[in-house]
């Protein structure tokens, strides 16, 4: 065991006694810088790979959003066409109802004129009857009394 310790001391002494030459020191410094450079390159490449993955995910999300927007626009256009059809149908029904109303107003006006004319004739007939006294008042018929 003491021999092993002696050997260890000798190796440590040799190691600390070693003084590098200028070329060895330059090679050692260049190796450290090369190692550091490659480490920085690997770090940047890893970050670039992560960014590339994120860009791919964002593109996929964007494409999905664009497709969803197109679907919504298509649905909106379909609804717009449907409502325009319903609106046109409602307008047509309104025009028909207005035409029917106008026709009914015309019939009402005609009926009112006929009623006024009939009342005038009735009044004239009553006046003539009261002047002459020739027509007797008719008794109401039984059928008219039965029906209210």
Protein backbone atom coordinates (compact mmCIF):
# COMPACT_ATOMS: atom_id res chain seq x y z
CA UNK A 1 0.00 0.00 0.00
CA UNK A 2 2.76 2.49 0.71
CA UNK A 3 4.10 1.79 -2.72
CA UNK A 4 0.75 2.75 -4.25
CA UNK A 5 0.80 6.03 -2.39
CA UNK A 6 4.27 6.69 -3.62
CA UNK A 7 3.23 6.03 -7.17
CA UNK A 8 0.28 8.37 -6.78
CA UNK A 9 2.51 11.14 -5.41
CA UNK A 10 4.90 10.69 -8.29
CA UNK A 11 2.04 10.98 -10.85
CA UNK A 12 0.70 14.08 -9.15
CA UNK A 13 4.15 15.62 -9.08
CA UNK A 14 4.63 14.85 -12.75
CA UNK A 15 1.21 16.28 -13.55
CA UNK A 16 1.84 19.54 -11.68
CA UNK A 17 5.39 19.78 -12.94
CA UNK A 18 4.21 19.71 -16.53
CA UNK A 19 4.35 23.08 -18.22
CA UNK A 20 2.70 23.22 -21.59
CA UNK A 21 4.49 24.62 -24.57
CA UNK A 22 3.08 27.40 -26.66
CA UNK A 23 1.68 25.09 -29.38
CA UNK A 24 0.07 22.73 -26.88
CA UNK A 25 -1.53 25.64 -25.06
CA UNK A 26 -2.78 27.09 -28.36
CA UNK A 27 -4.23 23.73 -29.38
CA UNK A 28 -5.88 23.37 -25.98
CA UNK A 29 -7.43 26.88 -26.18
CA UNK A 30 -8.62 26.26 -29.75
CA UNK A 31 -10.16 22.94 -28.69
CA UNK A 32 -12.04 24.64 -25.82
CA UNK A 33 -13.33 27.36 -28.17
CA UNK A 34 -14.30 24.77 -30.80
CA UNK A 35 -16.16 22.76 -28.18
CA UNK A 36 -17.94 25.91 -26.96
CA UNK A 37 -18.80 26.92 -30.54
CA UNK A 38 -20.27 23.53 -31.36
CA UNK A 39 -22.24 23.63 -28.12
CA UNK A 40 -23.66 27.05 -29.03
CA UNK A 41 -24.47 25.76 -32.52
CA UNK A 42 -26.28 22.73 -31.08
CA UNK A 43 -28.21 25.02 -28.73
CA UNK A 44 -29.28 27.32 -31.59
CA UNK A 45 -30.19 24.32 -33.77
CA UNK A 46 -32.37 22.95 -30.97
CA UNK A 47 -34.07 26.33 -30.53
CA UNK A 48 -34.56 26.56 -34.31
CA UNK A 49 -36.08 23.08 -34.34
CA UNK A 50 -38.47 24.10 -31.54
CA UNK A 51 -39.42 27.24 -33.47
CA UNK A 52 -39.97 25.20 -36.62
CA UNK A 53 -42.29 22.87 -34.70
CA UNK A 54 -44.19 25.85 -33.30
CA UNK A 55 -44.50 27.39 -36.76
CA UNK A 56 -45.91 24.10 -38.06
CA UNK A 57 -48.46 24.01 -35.24
CA UNK A 58 -49.41 27.63 -35.86
CA UNK A 59 -49.85 26.97 -39.57
CA UNK A 60 -52.08 24.00 -38.82
CA UNK A 61 -54.13 26.14 -36.41
CA UNK A 62 -54.35 28.93 -38.99
CA UNK A 63 -55.48 26.50 -41.70
CA UNK A 64 -58.12 25.11 -39.35
CA UNK A 65 -59.32 28.62 -38.53
CA UNK A 66 -59.44 29.56 -42.22
CA UNK A 67 -61.44 26.41 -43.01
CA UNK A 68 -63.82 27.11 -40.12
CA UNK A 69 -64.25 30.70 -41.34
CA UNK A 70 -65.06 29.45 -44.85
CA UNK A 71 -67.63 27.03 -43.42
CA UNK A 72 -69.21 29.82 -41.39
CA UNK A 73 -69.30 32.13 -44.40
CA UNK A 74 -70.96 29.39 -46.46
CA UNK A 75 -73.52 28.77 -43.71
CA UNK A 76 -74.11 32.53 -43.47
CA UNK A 77 -74.66 32.76 -47.23
CA UNK A 78 -77.07 29.82 -47.10
CA UNK A 79 -79.03 31.46 -44.29
CA UNK A 80 -79.03 34.75 -46.17
CA UNK A 81 -80.44 33.09 -49.29
CA UNK A 82 -83.06 31.28 -47.20
CA UNK A 83 -84.16 34.49 -45.46
CA UNK A 84 -84.21 36.39 -48.74
CA UNK A 85 -86.54 33.72 -50.12
CA UNK A 86 -88.77 33.96 -47.07
CA UNK A 87 -88.77 37.75 -47.31
CA UNK A 88 -89.73 37.62 -50.98
CA UNK A 89 -92.50 35.15 -50.13
CA UNK A 90 -93.75 37.38 -47.30
CA UNK A 91 -93.71 40.41 -49.60
CA UNK A 92 -95.72 38.52 -52.20
CA UNK A 93 -98.23 37.45 -49.55
CA UNK A 94 -98.43 41.05 -48.34
CA UNK A 95 -99.11 42.26 -51.87
CA UNK A 96 -101.81 39.62 -52.28
CA UNK A 97 -103.36 40.60 -48.94
CA UNK A 98 -103.25 44.29 -49.93
CA UNK A 99 -104.88 43.46 -53.26
CA UNK A 100 -107.56 41.42 -51.47
CA UNK A 101 -108.08 44.30 -49.02
CA UNK A 102 -108.43 46.78 -51.86
CA UNK A 103 -110.91 44.47 -53.61
CA UNK A 104 -112.88 44.11 -50.37
CA UNK A 105 -112.87 47.89 -49.92
CA UNK A 106 -114.15 48.25 -53.47
CA UNK A 107 -116.89 45.68 -52.82
CA UNK A 108 -117.76 47.42 -49.55
CA UNK A 109 -118.02 50.78 -51.28
CA UNK A 110 -120.21 49.22 -54.00
CA UNK A 111 -122.38 47.53 -51.40
CA UNK A 112 -122.70 50.77 -49.45
CA UNK A 113 -123.75 52.60 -52.63
CA UNK A 114 -126.30 49.88 -53.34
CA UNK A 115 -127.54 50.11 -49.74
CA UNK A 116 -127.90 53.87 -49.99
CA UNK A 117 -129.72 53.47 -53.31
CA UNK A 118 -131.96 50.79 -51.83
CA UNK A 119 -132.76 53.00 -48.82
CA UNK A 120 -133.63 55.87 -51.15
CA UNK A 121 -135.96 53.64 -53.17
CA UNK A 122 -137.49 52.32 -49.96
CA UNK A 123 -138.00 55.84 -48.63
CA UNK A 124 -139.47 56.93 -51.97
CA UNK A 125 -141.77 53.93 -51.97
CA UNK A 126 -142.92 54.71 -48.42
CA UNK A 127 -143.50 58.31 -49.34
CA UNK A 128 -145.63 57.29 -52.31
CA UNK A 129 -147.56 54.82 -50.19
CA UNK A 130 -148.23 57.34 -47.45
CA UNK A 131 -149.42 59.85 -50.04
CA UNK A 132 -151.81 57.50 -51.73
CA UNK A 133 -152.69 55.30 -48.79
CA UNK A 134 -153.45 52.47 -51.19
CA UNK A 135 -151.02 49.90 -49.82
CA UNK A 136 -151.83 48.31 -46.52
CA UNK A 137 -149.20 47.30 -44.08
CA UNK A 138 -148.35 43.65 -44.56
CA UNK A 139 -148.46 41.30 -41.63
CA UNK A 140 -145.12 39.71 -40.82
CA UNK A 141 -144.81 36.22 -42.20
CA UNK A 142 -144.60 33.23 -39.89
CA UNK A 143 -141.25 32.12 -41.35
CA UNK A 144 -139.67 35.46 -40.57
CA UNK A 145 -140.99 35.28 -36.98
CA UNK A 146 -139.54 31.79 -36.45
CA UNK A 147 -136.07 32.69 -37.56
CA UNK A 148 -134.32 35.26 -35.41
